[in-house]
Amino acid sequence: MERLRSPGVNPAERAVLRTLAPGGLLTTAQPQRATAHTTRSIRNALARLHPRGLIVPSRDRCRWQLSPRGRAVAATIR
């Protein structure tokens, strides 16, 4: 399992994982409104988390949710 304190996971990525942890599909704007991060930092975090297999897009690619691996990683966030 990935360690969240490693240099590869930044605060915006942790914020996205925490926001998506309760489940459901969220738009890009929803994690931004729920955190103190800018829209740009949230979009960049989504762009980094997706290829790592931690989040998956909806069919229309307008909403995001955690993958099973992402749920496991999000469970380690305090």
PDB file of N, CA and C in Angstrom:
ATOM      1  N   MET A   1       0.835  -1.178   0.000  1.00  0.00           N
ATOM      2  CA  MET A   1       0.000   0.000   0.000  1.00  0.00           C
ATOM      3  C   MET A   1       0.884   1.248   0.000  1.00  0.00           C
ATOM      4  N   GLU A   2       0.415   2.247  -0.679  1.00  0.00           N
ATOM      5  CA  GLU A   2       1.160   3.487  -0.820  1.00  0.00           C
ATOM      6  C   GLU A   2       1.194   4.263   0.497  1.00  0.00           C
ATOM      7  N   ARG A   3       2.331   4.839   0.802  1.00  0.00           N
ATOM      8  CA  ARG A   3       2.464   5.639   2.018  1.00  0.00           C
ATOM      9  C   ARG A   3       2.181   7.089   1.671  1.00  0.00           C
ATOM     10  N   LEU A   4       1.210   7.681   2.370  1.00  0.00           N
ATOM     11  CA  LEU A   4       0.768   9.021   2.033  1.00  0.00           C
ATOM     12  C   LEU A   4       1.720  10.114   2.474  1.00  0.00           C
ATOM     13  N   ARG A   5       2.639   9.823   3.345  1.00  0.00           N
ATOM     14  CA  ARG A   5       3.592  10.836   3.774  1.00  0.00           C
ATOM     15  C   ARG A   5       4.792  10.898   2.839  1.00  0.00           C
ATOM     16  N   SER A   6       4.818  10.043   1.837  1.00  0.00           N
ATOM     17  CA  SER A   6       5.940  10.033   0.904  1.00  0.00           C
ATOM     18  C   SER A   6       5.922  11.306   0.064  1.00  0.00           C
ATOM     19  N   PRO A   7       7.071  11.670  -0.501  1.00  0.00           N
ATOM     20  CA  PRO A   7       7.135  12.889  -1.304  1.00  0.00           C
ATOM     21  C   PRO A   7       6.218  12.861  -2.526  1.00  0.00           C
ATOM     22  N   GLY A   8       5.759  11.686  -2.957  1.00  0.00           N
ATOM     23  CA  GLY A   8       4.914  11.585  -4.136  1.00  0.00           C
ATOM     24  C   GLY A   8       3.466  11.964  -3.931  1.00  0.00           C
ATOM     25  N   VAL A   9       3.031  12.197  -2.699  1.00  0.00           N
ATOM     26  CA  VAL A   9       1.636  12.549  -2.430  1.00  0.00           C
ATOM     27  C   VAL A   9       1.611  13.915  -1.756  1.00  0.00           C
ATOM     28  N   ASN A  10       1.048  14.882  -2.444  1.00  0.00           N
ATOM     29  CA  ASN A  10       1.048  16.236  -1.898  1.00  0.00           C
ATOM     30  C   ASN A  10      -0.261  16.544  -1.165  1.00  0.00           C
ATOM     31  N   PRO A  11      -0.347  17.672  -0.493  1.00  0.00           N
ATOM     32  CA  PRO A  11      -1.551  18.005   0.274  1.00  0.00           C
ATOM     33  C   PRO A  11      -2.831  18.062  -0.562  1.00  0.00           C
ATOM     34  N   ALA A  12      -2.756  18.545  -1.791  1.00  0.00           N
ATOM     35  CA  ALA A  12      -3.952  18.595  -2.638  1.00  0.00           C
ATOM     36  C   ALA A  12      -4.442  17.186  -2.965  1.00  0.00           C
ATOM     37  N   GLU A  13      -3.523  16.262  -3.220  1.00  0.00           N
ATOM     38  CA  GLU A  13      -3.911  14.876  -3.497  1.00  0.00           C
ATOM     39  C   GLU A  13      -4.550  14.246  -2.267  1.00  0.00           C
ATOM     40  N   ARG A  14      -3.978  14.507  -1.098  1.00  0.00           N
ATOM     41  CA  ARG A  14      -4.580  13.991   0.135  1.00  0.00           C
ATOM     42  C   ARG A  14      -5.978  14.566   0.329  1.00  0.00           C
ATOM     43  N   ALA A  15      -6.150  15.853   0.031  1.00  0.00           N
ATOM     44  CA  ALA A  15      -7.464  16.488   0.169  1.00  0.00           C
ATOM     45  C   ALA A  15      -8.486  15.847  -0.769  1.00  0.00           C
ATOM     46  N   VAL A  16      -8.083  15.560  -1.996  1.00  0.00           N
ATOM     47  CA  VAL A  16      -8.985  14.905  -2.947  1.00  0.00           C
ATOM     48  C   VAL A  16      -9.369  13.519  -2.435  1.00  0.00           C
ATOM     49  N   LEU A  17      -8.397  12.750  -1.989  1.00  0.00           N
ATOM     50  CA  LEU A  17      -8.685  11.406  -1.484  1.00  0.00           C
ATOM     51  C   LEU A  17      -9.626  11.467  -0.285  1.00  0.00           C
ATOM     52  N   ARG A  18      -9.396  12.408   0.624  1.00  0.00           N
ATOM     53  CA  ARG A  18     -10.272  12.557   1.796  1.00  0.00           C
ATOM     54  C   ARG A  18     -11.689  12.938   1.386  1.00  0.00           C
ATOM     55  N   THR A  19     -11.813  13.835   0.420  1.00  0.00           N
ATOM     56  CA  THR A  19     -13.129  14.302  -0.019  1.00  0.00           C
ATOM     57  C   THR A  19     -13.902  13.195  -0.725  1.00  0.00           C
ATOM     58  N   LEU A  20     -13.210  12.373  -1.487  1.00  0.00           N
ATOM     59  CA  LEU A  20     -13.871  11.283  -2.206  1.00  0.00           C
ATOM     60  C   LEU A  20     -14.123  10.059  -1.326  1.00  0.00           C
ATOM     61  N   ALA A  21     -13.489   9.981  -0.173  1.00  0.00           N
ATOM     62  CA  ALA A  21     -13.560   8.791   0.683  1.00  0.00           C
ATOM     63  C   ALA A  21     -14.976   8.369   1.073  1.00  0.00           C
ATOM     64  N   PRO A  22     -15.909   9.285   1.367  1.00  0.00           N
ATOM     65  CA  PRO A  22     -17.248   8.829   1.748  1.00  0.00           C
ATOM     66  C   PRO A  22     -17.995   8.097   0.637  1.00  0.00           C
ATOM     67  N   GLY A  23     -17.545   8.226  -0.586  1.00  0.00           N
ATOM     68  CA  GLY A  23     -18.158   7.508  -1.698  1.00  0.00           C
ATOM     69  C   GLY A  23     -18.944   8.433  -2.611  1.00  0.00           C
ATOM     70  N   GLY A  24     -19.462   7.864  -3.668  1.00  0.00           N
ATOM     71  CA  GLY A  24     -20.215   8.637  -4.635  1.00  0.00           C
ATOM     72  C   GLY A  24     -19.330   9.245  -5.702  1.00  0.00           C
ATOM     73  N   LEU A  25     -19.978   9.872  -6.654  1.00  0.00           N
ATOM     74  CA  LEU A  25     -19.288  10.543  -7.755  1.00  0.00           C
ATOM     75  C   LEU A  25     -19.307  12.040  -7.497  1.00  0.00           C
ATOM     76  N   LEU A  26     -18.154  12.672  -7.569  1.00  0.00           N
ATOM     77  CA  LEU A  26     -18.064  14.110  -7.346  1.00  0.00           C
ATOM     78  C   LEU A  26     -17.481  14.803  -8.568  1.00  0.00           C
ATOM     79  N   THR A  27     -17.971  16.002  -8.835  1.00  0.00           N
ATOM     80  CA  THR A  27     -17.396  16.808  -9.907  1.00  0.00           C
ATOM     81  C   THR A  27     -16.056  17.364  -9.444  1.00  0.00           C
ATOM     82  N   THR A  28     -15.315  17.934 -10.356  1.00  0.00           N
ATOM     83  CA  THR A  28     -14.040  18.555 -10.007  1.00  0.00           C
ATOM     84  C   THR A  28     -14.251  19.712  -9.036  1.00  0.00           C
ATOM     85  N   ALA A  29     -15.341  20.434  -9.187  1.00  0.00           N
ATOM     86  CA  ALA A  29     -15.604  21.601  -8.334  1.00  0.00           C
ATOM     87  C   ALA A  29     -15.924  21.215  -6.892  1.00  0.00           C
ATOM     88  N   GLN A  30     -16.511  20.055  -6.670  1.00  0.00           N
ATOM     89  CA  GLN A  30     -16.906  19.676  -5.309  1.00  0.00           C
ATOM     90  C   GLN A  30     -15.724  19.512  -4.357  1.00  0.00           C
ATOM     91  N   PRO A  31     -14.653  18.814  -4.712  1.00  0.00           N
ATOM     92  CA  PRO A  31     -13.502  18.772  -3.797  1.00  0.00           C
ATOM     93  C   PRO A  31     -12.884  20.152  -3.581  1.00  0.00           C
ATOM     94  N   GLN A  32     -12.920  20.991  -4.598  1.00  0.00           N
ATOM     95  CA  GLN A  32     -12.360  22.338  -4.457  1.00  0.00           C
ATOM     96  C   GLN A  32     -13.157  23.134  -3.429  1.00  0.00           C
ATOM     97  N   ARG A  33     -14.479  23.047  -3.485  1.00  0.00           N
ATOM     98  CA  ARG A  33     -15.314  23.772  -2.521  1.00  0.00           C
ATOM     99  C   ARG A  33     -15.176  23.212  -1.116  1.00  0.00           C
ATOM    100  N   ALA A  34     -14.888  21.926  -1.005  1.00  0.00           N
ATOM    101  CA  ALA A  34     -14.792  21.276   0.308  1.00  0.00           C
ATOM    102  C   ALA A  34     -13.430  21.473   0.969  1.00  0.00           C
ATOM    103  N   THR A  35     -12.470  22.005   0.230  1.00  0.00           N
ATOM    104  CA  THR A  35     -11.115  22.179   0.762  1.00  0.00           C
ATOM    105  C   THR A  35     -10.659  23.619   0.563  1.00  0.00           C
ATOM    106  N   ALA A  36      -9.498  23.926   1.052  1.00  0.00           N
ATOM    107  CA  ALA A  36      -8.929  25.267   0.885  1.00  0.00           C
ATOM    108  C   ALA A  36      -8.028  25.349  -0.343  1.00  0.00           C
ATOM    109  N   HIS A  37      -8.094  24.366  -1.219  1.00  0.00           N
ATOM    110  CA  HIS A  37      -7.222  24.320  -2.390  1.00  0.00           C
ATOM    111  C   HIS A  37      -7.868  25.014  -3.584  1.00  0.00           C
ATOM    112  N   THR A  38      -7.036  25.499  -4.472  1.00  0.00           N
ATOM    113  CA  THR A  38      -7.523  26.169  -5.677  1.00  0.00           C
ATOM    114  C   THR A  38      -8.043  25.142  -6.679  1.00  0.00           C
ATOM    115  N   THR A  39      -8.836  25.636  -7.621  1.00  0.00           N
ATOM    116  CA  THR A  39      -9.340  24.760  -8.680  1.00  0.00           C
ATOM    117  C   THR A  39      -8.181  24.144  -9.450  1.00  0.00           C
ATOM    118  N   ARG A  40      -7.165  24.931  -9.725  1.00  0.00           N
ATOM    119  CA  ARG A  40      -6.003  24.424 -10.461  1.00  0.00           C
ATOM    120  C   ARG A  40      -5.317  23.294  -9.698  1.00  0.00           C
ATOM    121  N   SER A  41      -5.112  23.458  -8.386  1.00  0.00           N
ATOM    122  CA  SER A  41      -4.413  22.412  -7.627  1.00  0.00           C
ATOM    123  C   SER A  41      -5.255  21.141  -7.554  1.00  0.00           C
ATOM    124  N   ILE A  42      -6.583  21.282  -7.469  1.00  0.00           N
ATOM    125  CA  ILE A  42      -7.452  20.096  -7.452  1.00  0.00           C
ATOM    126  C   ILE A  42      -7.409  19.402  -8.809  1.00  0.00           C
ATOM    127  N   ARG A  43      -7.492  20.155  -9.887  1.00  0.00           N
ATOM    128  CA  ARG A  43      -7.410  19.547 -11.228  1.00  0.00           C
ATOM    129  C   ARG A  43      -6.071  18.842 -11.431  1.00  0.00           C
ATOM    130  N   ASN A  44      -5.001  19.458 -10.982  1.00  0.00           N
ATOM    131  CA  ASN A  44      -3.684  18.823 -11.091  1.00  0.00           C
ATOM    132  C   ASN A  44      -3.618  17.553 -10.251  1.00  0.00           C
ATOM    133  N   ALA A  45      -4.208  17.591  -9.061  1.00  0.00           N
ATOM    134  CA  ALA A  45      -4.226  16.399  -8.206  1.00  0.00           C
ATOM    135  C   ALA A  45      -5.001  15.272  -8.885  1.00  0.00           C
ATOM    136  N   LEU A  46      -6.157  15.592  -9.468  1.00  0.00           N
ATOM    137  CA  LEU A  46      -6.937  14.579 -10.184  1.00  0.00           C
ATOM    138  C   LEU A  46      -6.128  14.002 -11.344  1.00  0.00           C
ATOM    139  N   ALA A  47      -5.423  14.868 -12.044  1.00  0.00           N
ATOM    140  CA  ALA A  47      -4.608  14.424 -13.183  1.00  0.00           C
ATOM    141  C   ALA A  47      -3.467  13.512 -12.749  1.00  0.00           C
ATOM    142  N   ARG A  48      -2.979  13.669 -11.539  1.00  0.00           N
ATOM    143  CA  ARG A  48      -1.908  12.792 -11.037  1.00  0.00           C
ATOM    144  C   ARG A  48      -2.472  11.509 -10.425  1.00  0.00           C
ATOM    145  N   LEU A  49      -3.620  11.594  -9.754  1.00  0.00           N
ATOM    146  CA  LEU A  49      -4.190  10.416  -9.091  1.00  0.00           C
ATOM    147  C   LEU A  49      -4.776   9.416 -10.087  1.00  0.00           C
ATOM    148  N   HIS A  50      -5.343   9.906 -11.179  1.00  0.00           N
ATOM    149  CA  HIS A  50      -5.978   9.015 -12.151  1.00  0.00           C
ATOM    150  C   HIS A  50      -5.002   8.011 -12.764  1.00  0.00           C
ATOM    151  N   PRO A  51      -3.859   8.422 -13.324  1.00  0.00           N
ATOM    152  CA  PRO A  51      -2.949   7.427 -13.914  1.00  0.00           C
ATOM    153  C   PRO A  51      -2.350   6.469 -12.887  1.00  0.00           C
ATOM    154  N   ARG A  52      -2.366   6.859 -11.630  1.00  0.00           N
ATOM    155  CA  ARG A  52      -1.851   5.984 -10.571  1.00  0.00           C
ATOM    156  C   ARG A  52      -2.901   4.976 -10.121  1.00  0.00           C
ATOM    157  N   GLY A  53      -4.100   5.053 -10.693  1.00  0.00           N
ATOM    158  CA  GLY A  53      -5.141   4.079 -10.387  1.00  0.00           C
ATOM    159  C   GLY A  53      -5.852   4.317  -9.068  1.00  0.00           C
ATOM    160  N   LEU A  54      -5.757   5.520  -8.513  1.00  0.00           N
ATOM    161  CA  LEU A  54      -6.399   5.799  -7.228  1.00  0.00           C
ATOM    162  C   LEU A  54      -7.803   6.361  -7.390  1.00  0.00           C
ATOM    163  N   ILE A  55      -8.099   6.941  -8.544  1.00  0.00           N
ATOM    164  CA  ILE A  55      -9.439   7.445  -8.831  1.00  0.00           C
ATOM    165  C   ILE A  55      -9.833   7.016 -10.238  1.00  0.00           C
ATOM    166  N   VAL A  56     -11.142   6.967 -10.476  1.00  0.00           N
ATOM    167  CA  VAL A  56     -11.650   6.610 -11.801  1.00  0.00           C
ATOM    168  C   VAL A  56     -12.734   7.613 -12.191  1.00  0.00           C
ATOM    169  N   PRO A  57     -12.784   7.960 -13.482  1.00  0.00           N
ATOM    170  CA  PRO A  57     -13.807   8.903 -13.935  1.00  0.00           C
ATOM    171  C   PRO A  57     -15.117   8.191 -14.231  1.00  0.00           C
ATOM    172  N   SER A  58     -16.204   8.970 -14.250  1.00  0.00           N
ATOM    173  CA  SER A  58     -17.480   8.448 -14.717  1.00  0.00           C
ATOM    174  C   SER A  58     -17.392   8.287 -16.234  1.00  0.00           C
ATOM    175  N   ARG A  59     -18.428   7.724 -16.824  1.00  0.00           N
ATOM    176  CA  ARG A  59     -18.408   7.526 -18.279  1.00  0.00           C
ATOM    177  C   ARG A  59     -18.222   8.827 -19.041  1.00  0.00           C
ATOM    178  N   ASP A  60     -18.865   9.884 -18.562  1.00  0.00           N
ATOM    179  CA  ASP A  60     -18.751  11.165 -19.262  1.00  0.00           C
ATOM    180  C   ASP A  60     -17.516  11.961 -18.842  1.00  0.00           C
ATOM    181  N   ARG A  61     -16.729  11.408 -17.922  1.00  0.00           N
ATOM    182  CA  ARG A  61     -15.478  12.000 -17.426  1.00  0.00           C
ATOM    183  C   ARG A  61     -15.689  13.346 -16.736  1.00  0.00           C
ATOM    184  N   CYS A  62     -16.908  13.592 -16.272  1.00  0.00           N
ATOM    185  CA  CYS A  62     -17.209  14.842 -15.563  1.00  0.00           C
ATOM    186  C   CYS A  62     -17.197  14.655 -14.052  1.00  0.00           C
ATOM    187  N   ARG A  63     -17.227  13.418 -13.598  1.00  0.00           N
ATOM    188  CA  ARG A  63     -17.253  13.123 -12.168  1.00  0.00           C
ATOM    189  C   ARG A  63     -16.200  12.071 -11.855  1.00  0.00           C
ATOM    190  N   TRP A  64     -15.796  12.047 -10.588  1.00  0.00           N
ATOM    191  CA  TRP A  64     -14.724  11.152 -10.156  1.00  0.00           C
ATOM    192  C   TRP A  64     -15.144  10.379  -8.926  1.00  0.00           C
ATOM    193  N   GLN A  65     -14.565   9.182  -8.775  1.00  0.00           N
ATOM    194  CA  GLN A  65     -14.755   8.386  -7.564  1.00  0.00           C
ATOM    195  C   GLN A  65     -13.474   7.620  -7.276  1.00  0.00           C
ATOM    196  N   LEU A  66     -13.367   7.137  -6.044  1.00  0.00           N
ATOM    197  CA  LEU A  66     -12.190   6.356  -5.677  1.00  0.00           C
ATOM    198  C   LEU A  66     -12.259   4.973  -6.297  1.00  0.00           C
ATOM    199  N   SER A  67     -11.132   4.464  -6.701  1.00  0.00           N
ATOM    200  CA  SER A  67     -11.014   3.072  -7.128  1.00  0.00           C
ATOM    201  C   SER A  67     -10.865   2.229  -5.862  1.00  0.00           C
ATOM    202  N   PRO A  68     -10.947   0.904  -5.967  1.00  0.00           N
ATOM    203  CA  PRO A  68     -10.692   0.078  -4.779  1.00  0.00           C
ATOM    204  C   PRO A  68      -9.321   0.376  -4.159  1.00  0.00           C
ATOM    205  N   ARG A  69      -8.322   0.556  -4.998  1.00  0.00           N
ATOM    206  CA  ARG A  69      -6.989   0.903  -4.474  1.00  0.00           C
ATOM    207  C   ARG A  69      -7.015   2.274  -3.793  1.00  0.00           C
ATOM    208  N   GLY A  70      -7.722   3.220  -4.389  1.00  0.00           N
ATOM    209  CA  GLY A  70      -7.847   4.549  -3.805  1.00  0.00           C
ATOM    210  C   GLY A  70      -8.554   4.524  -2.461  1.00  0.00           C
ATOM    211  N   ARG A  71      -9.575   3.661  -2.333  1.00  0.00           N
ATOM    212  CA  ARG A  71     -10.269   3.526  -1.037  1.00  0.00           C
ATOM    213  C   ARG A  71      -9.313   3.003   0.022  1.00  0.00           C
ATOM    214  N   ALA A  72      -8.470   2.046  -0.354  1.00  0.00           N
ATOM    215  CA  ALA A  72      -7.501   1.502   0.608  1.00  0.00           C
ATOM    216  C   ALA A  72      -6.509   2.576   1.039  1.00  0.00           C
ATOM    217  N   VAL A  73      -6.051   3.378   0.094  1.00  0.00           N
ATOM    218  CA  VAL A  73      -5.107   4.445   0.423  1.00  0.00           C
ATOM    219  C   VAL A  73      -5.799   5.517   1.258  1.00  0.00           C
ATOM    220  N   ALA A  74      -7.019   5.898   0.879  1.00  0.00           N
ATOM    221  CA  ALA A  74      -7.753   6.933   1.619  1.00  0.00           C
ATOM    222  C   ALA A  74      -8.014   6.507   3.059  1.00  0.00           C
ATOM    223  N   ALA A  75      -8.164   5.218   3.287  1.00  0.00           N
ATOM    224  CA  ALA A  75      -8.409   4.725   4.648  1.00  0.00           C
ATOM    225  C   ALA A  75      -7.209   4.948   5.557  1.00  0.00           C
ATOM    226  N   THR A  76      -6.034   5.159   4.979  1.00  0.00           N
ATOM    227  CA  THR A  76      -4.839   5.377   5.799  1.00  0.00           C
ATOM    228  C   THR A  76      -4.612   6.851   6.122  1.00  0.00           C
ATOM    229  N   ILE A  77      -5.415   7.729   5.528  1.00  0.00           N
ATOM    230  CA  ILE A  77      -5.260   9.169   5.769  1.00  0.00           C
ATOM    231  C   ILE A  77      -5.862   9.518   7.117  1.00  0.00           C
ATOM    232  N   ARG A  78      -5.138  10.300   7.878  1.00  0.00           N
ATOM    233  CA  ARG A  78      -5.655  10.745   9.181  1.00  0.00           C
ATOM    234  C   ARG A  78      -5.953  12.210   9.148  1.00  0.00           C
TER     235      ARG A  78
END
